[in-house]
Each structure stands twice: as structure tokens, then as C-alpha cells.
């Protein structure tokens, strides 16, 4: 199975261009409608929320750290 090493999302006139790059450097491009991209975001959010404690070892009493983007 190939490993995802990079991804990009670009806005186009009517849709989005998703670019996924694997560990061999091969790029795969997909056009996605706003509705499709929203469905992907919702699915990832649901999955991560469902398994947040297992994946990120979240502790209820742990301090919250924020990192600025950009």
C-alpha cells in the first residue's frame, strides 16, 4: 500500500482540484464539487472525533495549546 506524503487543494472556477502525492512521488489529481469536498471533510471530522482520544491521546485536564496557521 502506498503512503500519502503530500496533498493540496486548489480552488478552480466551478470546483476544486485535489492533488494527492504518494511516497514514490506519483501525483494523483481529482476534480471534486463543493458538495463532494464538504462530504469528505464531514467524514474525516466524524472519524477523527469518534477516535480522538485513541489517536491523539487527549486528556480532559490537559492544557490547550494553539499554533497559529501560516
N, C-alpha and C. Protein backbone atom coordinates (compact mmCIF):
# COMPACT_ATOMS: atom_id res chain seq x y z
N UNK A 1 0.84 -1.17 0.00
CA UNK A 1 0.00 0.00 0.00
C UNK A 1 0.89 1.24 0.00
N UNK A 2 0.56 2.18 -0.81
CA UNK A 2 1.33 3.43 -0.89
C UNK A 2 0.99 4.32 0.30
N UNK A 3 1.95 5.14 0.69
CA UNK A 3 1.77 6.07 1.79
C UNK A 3 1.54 7.48 1.24
N UNK A 4 0.54 8.16 1.76
CA UNK A 4 0.28 9.55 1.38
C UNK A 4 1.39 10.42 1.96
N UNK A 5 2.05 11.20 1.11
CA UNK A 5 3.13 12.05 1.59
C UNK A 5 2.81 13.53 1.46
N UNK A 6 1.86 13.88 0.58
CA UNK A 6 1.53 15.29 0.40
C UNK A 6 0.15 15.39 -0.22
N UNK A 7 -0.56 16.46 0.13
CA UNK A 7 -1.82 16.74 -0.54
C UNK A 7 -1.99 18.23 -0.69
N UNK A 8 -2.78 18.61 -1.69
CA UNK A 8 -3.08 20.03 -1.93
C UNK A 8 -4.52 20.12 -2.41
N UNK A 9 -5.15 21.23 -2.08
CA UNK A 9 -6.50 21.52 -2.56
C UNK A 9 -6.46 22.89 -3.20
N UNK A 10 -6.80 22.95 -4.47
CA UNK A 10 -6.81 24.20 -5.20
C UNK A 10 -8.23 24.53 -5.64
N UNK A 11 -8.57 25.81 -5.57
CA UNK A 11 -9.89 26.28 -5.99
C UNK A 11 -9.85 26.56 -7.49
N UNK A 12 -10.85 26.04 -8.18
CA UNK A 12 -11.00 26.33 -9.60
C UNK A 12 -12.31 27.08 -9.80
N UNK A 13 -12.64 27.40 -11.05
CA UNK A 13 -13.86 28.18 -11.32
C UNK A 13 -15.12 27.53 -10.76
N UNK A 14 -15.32 26.25 -11.03
CA UNK A 14 -16.58 25.59 -10.66
C UNK A 14 -16.40 24.47 -9.63
N UNK A 15 -15.15 24.12 -9.34
CA UNK A 15 -14.91 23.00 -8.43
C UNK A 15 -13.54 23.15 -7.76
N UNK A 16 -13.08 22.06 -7.18
CA UNK A 16 -11.78 22.04 -6.52
C UNK A 16 -10.91 20.97 -7.17
N UNK A 17 -9.62 21.17 -7.12
CA UNK A 17 -8.67 20.17 -7.60
C UNK A 17 -7.92 19.63 -6.40
N UNK A 18 -8.10 18.32 -6.15
CA UNK A 18 -7.38 17.65 -5.08
C UNK A 18 -6.17 16.95 -5.69
N UNK A 19 -5.01 17.21 -5.14
CA UNK A 19 -3.79 16.55 -5.60
C UNK A 19 -3.23 15.75 -4.44
N UNK A 20 -3.09 14.45 -4.64
CA UNK A 20 -2.52 13.56 -3.63
C UNK A 20 -1.22 13.00 -4.18
N UNK A 21 -0.18 13.03 -3.37
CA UNK A 21 1.12 12.51 -3.80
C UNK A 21 1.51 11.35 -2.89
N UNK A 22 1.97 10.26 -3.51
CA UNK A 22 2.37 9.10 -2.72
C UNK A 22 3.87 9.08 -2.48
N UNK A 23 4.32 8.10 -1.73
CA UNK A 23 5.72 8.02 -1.34
C UNK A 23 6.68 7.76 -2.50
N UNK A 24 6.17 7.41 -3.66
CA UNK A 24 7.05 7.25 -4.83
C UNK A 24 7.11 8.54 -5.65
N UNK A 25 6.37 9.57 -5.21
CA UNK A 25 6.37 10.85 -5.92
C UNK A 25 5.28 10.95 -6.98
N UNK A 26 4.49 9.90 -7.13
CA UNK A 26 3.41 9.91 -8.12
C UNK A 26 2.27 10.77 -7.60
N UNK A 27 1.81 11.69 -8.47
CA UNK A 27 0.71 12.58 -8.12
C UNK A 27 -0.58 12.08 -8.77
N UNK A 28 -1.65 12.15 -8.01
CA UNK A 28 -2.98 11.78 -8.49
C UNK A 28 -3.87 13.00 -8.32
N UNK A 29 -4.54 13.42 -9.40
CA UNK A 29 -5.39 14.59 -9.34
C UNK A 29 -6.85 14.19 -9.49
N UNK A 30 -7.70 14.83 -8.68
CA UNK A 30 -9.13 14.56 -8.70
C UNK A 30 -9.89 15.88 -8.69
N UNK A 31 -10.88 15.99 -9.56
CA UNK A 31 -11.79 17.13 -9.51
C UNK A 31 -12.88 16.77 -8.52
N UNK A 32 -13.27 17.73 -7.68
CA UNK A 32 -14.32 17.49 -6.69
C UNK A 32 -15.24 18.71 -6.63
N UNK A 33 -16.52 18.44 -6.59
CA UNK A 33 -17.50 19.52 -6.45
C UNK A 33 -17.45 20.03 -5.01
N UNK A 34 -18.00 21.22 -4.77
CA UNK A 34 -18.06 21.70 -3.38
C UNK A 34 -18.79 20.71 -2.47
N UNK A 35 -19.84 20.07 -2.97
CA UNK A 35 -20.58 19.10 -2.17
C UNK A 35 -19.73 17.87 -1.84
N UNK A 36 -18.95 17.41 -2.81
CA UNK A 36 -18.08 16.26 -2.58
C UNK A 36 -16.99 16.59 -1.56
N UNK A 37 -16.40 17.77 -1.70
CA UNK A 37 -15.36 18.18 -0.76
C UNK A 37 -15.94 18.32 0.64
N UNK A 38 -17.13 18.88 0.74
CA UNK A 38 -17.80 19.00 2.04
C UNK A 38 -18.06 17.62 2.66
N UNK A 39 -18.46 16.66 1.84
CA UNK A 39 -18.71 15.30 2.33
C UNK A 39 -17.42 14.65 2.84
N UNK A 40 -16.31 14.88 2.15
CA UNK A 40 -15.01 14.35 2.60
C UNK A 40 -14.62 14.98 3.93
N UNK A 41 -14.78 16.29 4.04
CA UNK A 41 -14.45 16.99 5.28
C UNK A 41 -15.30 16.47 6.44
N UNK A 42 -16.62 16.31 6.20
CA UNK A 42 -17.51 15.80 7.24
C UNK A 42 -17.12 14.38 7.67
N UNK A 43 -16.78 13.54 6.69
CA UNK A 43 -16.41 12.15 7.01
C UNK A 43 -15.13 12.11 7.84
N UNK A 44 -14.14 12.91 7.47
CA UNK A 44 -12.90 12.96 8.24
C UNK A 44 -13.14 13.50 9.64
N UNK A 45 -13.94 14.54 9.73
CA UNK A 45 -14.25 15.12 11.05
C UNK A 45 -14.95 14.11 11.94
N UNK A 46 -15.93 13.39 11.38
CA UNK A 46 -16.64 12.37 12.15
C UNK A 46 -15.70 11.27 12.62
N UNK A 47 -14.86 10.79 11.72
CA UNK A 47 -13.93 9.72 12.05
C UNK A 47 -12.94 10.15 13.12
N UNK A 48 -12.37 11.34 12.96
CA UNK A 48 -11.40 11.82 13.93
C UNK A 48 -12.06 12.11 15.28
N UNK A 49 -13.26 12.66 15.27
CA UNK A 49 -13.97 12.94 16.52
C UNK A 49 -14.30 11.66 17.26
N UNK A 50 -14.67 10.63 16.50
CA UNK A 50 -15.04 9.35 17.09
C UNK A 50 -13.85 8.66 17.77
N UNK A 51 -12.66 8.87 17.22
CA UNK A 51 -11.46 8.19 17.72
C UNK A 51 -10.42 9.15 18.28
N UNK A 52 -10.86 10.35 18.66
CA UNK A 52 -9.93 11.41 19.08
C UNK A 52 -9.04 10.98 20.24
N UNK A 53 -9.62 10.40 21.26
CA UNK A 53 -8.81 10.03 22.43
C UNK A 53 -7.77 8.97 22.09
N UNK A 54 -8.14 8.01 21.25
CA UNK A 54 -7.21 6.95 20.87
C UNK A 54 -6.09 7.48 19.98
N UNK A 55 -6.45 8.34 19.02
CA UNK A 55 -5.48 8.82 18.04
C UNK A 55 -4.56 9.90 18.59
N UNK A 56 -5.11 10.77 19.43
CA UNK A 56 -4.34 11.92 19.87
C UNK A 56 -4.06 11.94 21.37
N UNK A 57 -4.44 10.88 22.07
CA UNK A 57 -4.21 10.77 23.50
C UNK A 57 -4.67 12.03 24.23
N UNK A 58 -5.90 12.42 23.97
CA UNK A 58 -6.47 13.63 24.58
C UNK A 58 -6.78 13.36 26.04
N UNK A 59 -6.39 14.29 26.90
CA UNK A 59 -6.69 14.20 28.32
C UNK A 59 -7.61 15.37 28.66
N UNK A 60 -8.65 15.08 29.44
CA UNK A 60 -9.63 16.11 29.79
C UNK A 60 -9.01 17.28 30.53
N UNK A 61 -8.04 17.05 31.39
CA UNK A 61 -7.44 18.11 32.19
C UNK A 61 -6.20 18.73 31.56
N UNK A 62 -5.84 18.28 30.37
CA UNK A 62 -4.63 18.77 29.73
C UNK A 62 -4.83 20.21 29.26
N UNK A 63 -3.76 21.03 29.33
CA UNK A 63 -3.88 22.41 28.84
C UNK A 63 -4.08 22.42 27.33
N UNK A 64 -4.72 23.47 26.84
CA UNK A 64 -4.97 23.60 25.41
C UNK A 64 -3.88 24.47 24.80
N UNK A 65 -3.25 23.97 23.76
CA UNK A 65 -2.23 24.72 23.05
C UNK A 65 -2.74 25.02 21.65
N UNK A 66 -2.48 26.22 21.18
CA UNK A 66 -2.87 26.60 19.84
C UNK A 66 -1.66 27.09 19.09
N UNK A 67 -1.58 26.70 17.83
CA UNK A 67 -0.49 27.11 16.98
C UNK A 67 -1.07 27.93 15.85
N UNK A 68 -0.57 29.14 15.64
CA UNK A 68 -1.11 29.95 14.55
C UNK A 68 -0.80 29.32 13.19
N UNK A 69 -1.72 29.49 12.26
CA UNK A 69 -1.50 28.97 10.92
C UNK A 69 -0.74 30.02 10.11
N UNK A 70 0.10 29.50 9.19
CA UNK A 70 0.78 30.39 8.26
C UNK A 70 1.99 30.92 8.84
